[in-house]
Amino acid sequence: MMPFAMPAGPPLDPVDAAEACDLLAAGAVLVDVREADEYAYTHVPGAHHIPLSRFPDGLDELPRDREVLFICHSGVRSALAAAIARRCGLARATNIRGGMLAWEDEDLPIERREAA
């Protein structure tokens, strides 16, 4: 995994899960930065999967003209991902506060792999 320091500059203004759902409905893009096993277990339908361990690879495929939302388990890794994305030219990169924990608490849509 490539180490990253938190980029300097003003903190990002995160959005909560309900706001994120509204932004997605309006055309925003969602990027899940958790590792493959976490993503396979449960994720938001339609989310792009770019693990933080592979950043900034894959950011070039994301649109520059729309809001890009980042999500992880609790919001820590996605905050770092959003900051890195902004440094890499995604000016509208935003973190989802509380991550998948908040998303599920709000009972928003998820895809979940059934236990064997």
C-alpha atoms as a PDB file:
ATOM      1  CA  MET A   1       0.000   0.000   0.000  1.00  0.00           C
ATOM      2  CA  MET A   2       1.286   3.426  -0.926  1.00  0.00           C
ATOM      3  CA  PRO A   3       1.564   5.693   2.161  1.00  0.00           C
ATOM      4  CA  PHE A   4      -0.127   9.093   2.028  1.00  0.00           C
ATOM      5  CA  ALA A   5      -0.003  12.014   4.395  1.00  0.00           C
ATOM      6  CA  MET A   6      -3.184  14.003   4.828  1.00  0.00           C
ATOM      7  CA  PRO A   7      -2.978  16.786   2.217  1.00  0.00           C
ATOM      8  CA  ALA A   8      -2.622  20.303   3.536  1.00  0.00           C
ATOM      9  CA  GLY A   9      -5.351  22.869   3.085  1.00  0.00           C
ATOM     10  CA  PRO A  10      -8.814  23.512   4.418  1.00  0.00           C
ATOM     11  CA  PRO A  11     -10.824  20.520   5.601  1.00  0.00           C
ATOM     12  CA  LEU A  12     -13.402  19.092   3.252  1.00  0.00           C
ATOM     13  CA  ASP A  13     -17.084  19.649   3.943  1.00  0.00           C
ATOM     14  CA  PRO A  14     -18.471  16.116   4.203  1.00  0.00           C
ATOM     15  CA  VAL A  15     -22.075  15.265   3.401  1.00  0.00           C
ATOM     16  CA  ASP A  16     -24.249  12.933   5.424  1.00  0.00           C
ATOM     17  CA  ALA A  17     -25.694   9.746   3.970  1.00  0.00           C
ATOM     18  CA  ALA A  18     -29.122  11.219   3.154  1.00  0.00           C
ATOM     19  CA  GLU A  19     -27.525  14.211   1.381  1.00  0.00           C
ATOM     20  CA  ALA A  20     -25.268  11.803  -0.519  1.00  0.00           C
ATOM     21  CA  CYS A  21     -28.268   9.782  -1.676  1.00  0.00           C
ATOM     22  CA  ASP A  22     -29.869  12.978  -3.021  1.00  0.00           C
ATOM     23  CA  LEU A  23     -26.629  13.951  -4.789  1.00  0.00           C
ATOM     24  CA  LEU A  24     -26.415  10.504  -6.392  1.00  0.00           C
ATOM     25  CA  ALA A  25     -29.981  10.841  -7.641  1.00  0.00           C
ATOM     26  CA  ALA A  26     -28.947  14.182  -9.179  1.00  0.00           C
ATOM     27  CA  GLY A  27     -26.036  12.605 -11.069  1.00  0.00           C
ATOM     28  CA  ALA A  28     -23.110  12.454  -8.644  1.00  0.00           C
ATOM     29  CA  VAL A  29     -20.687   9.524  -8.836  1.00  0.00           C
ATOM     30  CA  LEU A  30     -19.953   7.279  -5.848  1.00  0.00           C
ATOM     31  CA  VAL A  31     -16.559   5.686  -5.206  1.00  0.00           C
ATOM     32  CA  ASP A  32     -16.145   2.991  -2.553  1.00  0.00           C
ATOM     33  CA  VAL A  33     -12.553   2.993  -1.262  1.00  0.00           C
ATOM     34  CA  ARG A  34     -12.764  -0.105   0.963  1.00  0.00           C
ATOM     35  CA  GLU A  35     -10.806  -3.241   0.190  1.00  0.00           C
ATOM     36  CA  ALA A  36     -12.196  -5.938  -2.103  1.00  0.00           C
ATOM     37  CA  ASP A  37     -13.532  -8.214   0.640  1.00  0.00           C
ATOM     38  CA  GLU A  38     -15.394  -5.345   2.317  1.00  0.00           C
ATOM     39  CA  TYR A  39     -16.868  -4.185  -0.994  1.00  0.00           C
ATOM     40  CA  ALA A  40     -17.878  -7.737  -1.967  1.00  0.00           C
ATOM     41  CA  TYR A  41     -19.748  -8.200   1.302  1.00  0.00           C
ATOM     42  CA  THR A  42     -21.861  -5.039   1.051  1.00  0.00           C
ATOM     43  CA  HIS A  43     -21.846  -1.886  -1.046  1.00  0.00           C
ATOM     44  CA  VAL A  44     -24.054   0.813  -2.478  1.00  0.00           C
ATOM     45  CA  PRO A  45     -25.542  -0.245  -5.836  1.00  0.00           C
ATOM     46  CA  GLY A  46     -23.694   1.349  -8.749  1.00  0.00           C
ATOM     47  CA  ALA A  47     -20.643   2.394  -6.705  1.00  0.00           C
ATOM     48  CA  HIS A  48     -17.274   2.418  -8.450  1.00  0.00           C
ATOM     49  CA  HIS A  49     -14.709   0.407  -6.522  1.00  0.00           C
ATOM     50  CA  ILE A  50     -11.250   1.948  -6.198  1.00  0.00           C
ATOM     51  CA  PRO A  51      -9.590   0.738  -2.969  1.00  0.00           C
ATOM     52  CA  LEU A  52      -7.604   3.371  -1.104  1.00  0.00           C
ATOM     53  CA  SER A  53      -4.618   1.013  -1.302  1.00  0.00           C
ATOM     54  CA  ARG A  54      -4.598   1.653  -5.081  1.00  0.00           C
ATOM     55  CA  PHE A  55      -4.908   5.444  -4.972  1.00  0.00           C
ATOM     56  CA  PRO A  56      -4.472   7.550  -6.982  1.00  0.00           C
ATOM     57  CA  ASP A  57      -4.743   4.876  -9.723  1.00  0.00           C
ATOM     58  CA  GLY A  58      -8.223   4.837 -11.188  1.00  0.00           C
ATOM     59  CA  LEU A  59      -9.014   8.471 -10.479  1.00  0.00           C
ATOM     60  CA  ASP A  60      -8.466   9.317 -14.154  1.00  0.00           C
ATOM     61  CA  GLU A  61     -11.630   7.383 -15.044  1.00  0.00           C
ATOM     62  CA  LEU A  62     -13.806   9.606 -12.843  1.00  0.00           C
ATOM     63  CA  PRO A  63     -15.643  12.631 -14.248  1.00  0.00           C
ATOM     64  CA  ARG A  64     -14.282  16.091 -13.557  1.00  0.00           C
ATOM     65  CA  ASP A  65     -17.597  17.818 -14.226  1.00  0.00           C
ATOM     66  CA  ARG A  66     -19.726  16.151 -11.521  1.00  0.00           C
ATOM     67  CA  GLU A  67     -19.732  15.699  -7.784  1.00  0.00           C
ATOM     68  CA  VAL A  68     -17.680  12.629  -6.811  1.00  0.00           C
ATOM     69  CA  LEU A  69     -18.563  11.147  -3.423  1.00  0.00           C
ATOM     70  CA  PHE A  70     -16.254   8.831  -1.501  1.00  0.00           C
ATOM     71  CA  ILE A  71     -17.389   6.190   0.996  1.00  0.00           C
ATOM     72  CA  CYS A  72     -15.685   3.639   3.235  1.00  0.00           C
ATOM     73  CA  HIS A  73     -16.724   1.787   6.383  1.00  0.00           C
ATOM     74  CA  SER A  74     -16.816   4.716   8.815  1.00  0.00           C
ATOM     75  CA  GLY A  75     -15.691   7.801   6.875  1.00  0.00           C
ATOM     76  CA  VAL A  76     -11.993   7.924   7.789  1.00  0.00           C
ATOM     77  CA  ARG A  77     -10.479   6.357   4.658  1.00  0.00           C
ATOM     78  CA  SER A  78     -12.975   8.123   2.413  1.00  0.00           C
ATOM     79  CA  ALA A  79     -12.020  11.496   3.926  1.00  0.00           C
ATOM     80  CA  LEU A  80      -8.414  10.803   2.976  1.00  0.00           C
ATOM     81  CA  ALA A  81      -9.518   9.587  -0.474  1.00  0.00           C
ATOM     82  CA  ALA A  82     -11.533  12.771  -1.101  1.00  0.00           C
ATOM     83  CA  ALA A  83      -8.574  14.924  -0.067  1.00  0.00           C
ATOM     84  CA  ILE A  84      -6.222  13.001  -2.372  1.00  0.00           C
ATOM     85  CA  ALA A  85      -8.752  13.217  -5.209  1.00  0.00           C
ATOM     86  CA  ARG A  86      -8.950  16.997  -4.802  1.00  0.00           C
ATOM     87  CA  ARG A  87      -5.163  17.180  -4.944  1.00  0.00           C
ATOM     88  CA  CYS A  88      -5.323  15.120  -8.163  1.00  0.00           C
ATOM     89  CA  GLY A  89      -7.741  17.538  -9.837  1.00  0.00           C
ATOM     90  CA  LEU A  90     -11.195  16.346  -8.757  1.00  0.00           C
ATOM     91  CA  ALA A  91     -12.345  19.695  -7.406  1.00  0.00           C
ATOM     92  CA  ARG A  92     -15.799  18.361  -6.482  1.00  0.00           C
ATOM     93  CA  ALA A  93     -14.600  15.369  -4.420  1.00  0.00           C
ATOM     94  CA  THR A  94     -16.537  14.972  -1.163  1.00  0.00           C
ATOM     95  CA  ASN A  95     -16.530  12.543   1.750  1.00  0.00           C
ATOM     96  CA  ILE A  96     -19.661  10.808   3.048  1.00  0.00           C
ATOM     97  CA  ARG A  97     -19.637  11.348   6.817  1.00  0.00           C
ATOM     98  CA  GLY A  98     -19.999   8.092   8.725  1.00  0.00           C
ATOM     99  CA  GLY A  99     -19.446   5.876   5.683  1.00  0.00           C
ATOM    100  CA  MET A 100     -21.354   2.638   5.213  1.00  0.00           C
ATOM    101  CA  LEU A 101     -22.272   2.603   8.897  1.00  0.00           C
ATOM    102  CA  ALA A 102     -24.251   5.826   8.435  1.00  0.00           C
ATOM    103  CA  TRP A 103     -25.600   4.672   5.053  1.00  0.00           C
ATOM    104  CA  GLU A 104     -27.029   1.518   6.609  1.00  0.00           C
ATOM    105  CA  ASP A 105     -28.305   3.410   9.687  1.00  0.00           C
ATOM    106  CA  GLU A 106     -30.352   5.582   7.302  1.00  0.00           C
ATOM    107  CA  ASP A 107     -31.707   2.376   5.694  1.00  0.00           C
ATOM    108  CA  LEU A 108     -30.490   3.485   2.249  1.00  0.00           C
ATOM    109  CA  PRO A 109     -30.126   0.988  -0.622  1.00  0.00           C
ATOM    110  CA  ILE A 110     -27.318  -1.568  -0.397  1.00  0.00           C
ATOM    111  CA  GLU A 111     -26.333  -4.782  -2.094  1.00  0.00           C
ATOM    112  CA  ARG A 112     -25.338  -7.452   0.398  1.00  0.00           C
ATOM    113  CA  ARG A 113     -23.752 -10.824  -0.257  1.00  0.00           C
ATOM    114  CA  GLU A 114     -25.649 -13.509   1.606  1.00  0.00           C
ATOM    115  CA  ALA A 115     -23.639 -15.529   4.112  1.00  0.00           C
ATOM    116  CA  ALA A 116     -22.865 -19.090   3.036  1.00  0.00           C
END
